[in-house]
Protein backbone atom coordinates (compact mmCIF):
# COMPACT_ATOMS: atom_id res chain seq x y z
CA MET A 1 -1.39 0.19 -9.64
CA LEU A 2 -3.85 -2.68 -10.20
CA GLY A 3 -6.37 -0.76 -12.19
CA PHE A 4 -9.47 -1.25 -10.10
CA SER A 5 -11.67 1.52 -8.88
CA GLU A 6 -11.72 2.50 -5.24
CA SER A 7 -15.31 1.25 -4.95
CA TYR A 8 -14.32 -2.18 -6.30
CA ALA A 9 -11.43 -2.31 -3.81
CA VAL A 10 -13.92 -1.62 -0.99
CA VAL A 11 -16.10 -4.50 -2.18
CA ILE A 12 -13.08 -6.83 -2.26
CA ARG A 13 -11.99 -5.76 1.24
CA ALA A 14 -15.51 -6.44 2.49
CA ARG A 15 -15.20 -9.96 1.03
CA ARG A 16 -18.28 -9.53 -1.14
CA ARG A 17 -16.23 -10.19 -4.29
CA ARG A 18 -12.96 -11.96 -5.08
CA PRO A 19 -10.47 -10.19 -7.35
CA HIS A 20 -9.83 -11.74 -10.74
CA PRO A 21 -6.93 -14.23 -10.72
CA ARG A 22 -4.92 -11.96 -13.03
CA HIS A 23 -4.53 -9.59 -10.05
CA TRP A 24 -3.50 -12.17 -7.44
CA GLN A 25 0.24 -11.96 -7.97
CA ALA A 26 0.26 -8.15 -7.74
CA LEU A 27 -1.94 -8.28 -4.63
CA ALA A 28 0.39 -10.84 -3.06
CA LYS A 29 3.35 -8.53 -3.65
CA LEU A 30 1.47 -5.65 -2.00
CA VAL A 31 1.06 -7.64 1.21
CA GLY A 32 4.47 -9.31 1.10
CA VAL A 33 3.34 -12.82 0.20
CA ILE A 34 5.67 -14.82 -2.00
CA ALA A 35 3.77 -17.58 -3.76
CA THR A 36 3.48 -18.98 -7.23
CA ILE A 37 0.23 -18.69 -9.13
CA LYS A 38 -0.06 -22.50 -9.02
CA GLU A 39 0.05 -22.42 -5.19
CA VAL A 40 -2.54 -19.65 -4.99
CA VAL A 41 -4.92 -21.39 -7.39
CA GLY A 42 -4.56 -24.61 -5.39
CA VAL A 43 -5.60 -22.82 -2.19
CA VAL A 44 -8.58 -21.18 -3.88
CA PHE A 45 -9.86 -24.49 -5.24
CA ALA A 46 -9.34 -26.22 -1.88
CA ASN A 47 -11.34 -23.48 -0.13
CA ARG A 48 -14.09 -23.70 -2.75
CA GLU A 49 -14.39 -27.48 -2.27
CA ARG A 50 -14.61 -27.05 1.52
CA ALA A 51 -17.32 -24.43 1.14
CA GLN A 52 -19.39 -26.73 -1.07
CA SER A 53 -19.17 -29.68 1.36
């Protein structure tokens, strides 16, 4: 469906990598999240800023 390998999916689930933003909307649909790309990007940048503080 998304086009990643099973091994890459395992790495994402283990939180060692973050999926590319082009996959976020499809991933959100898989888990039943309804959000715009703008909202998702805003959350990612907020989390990144917190992590750097």
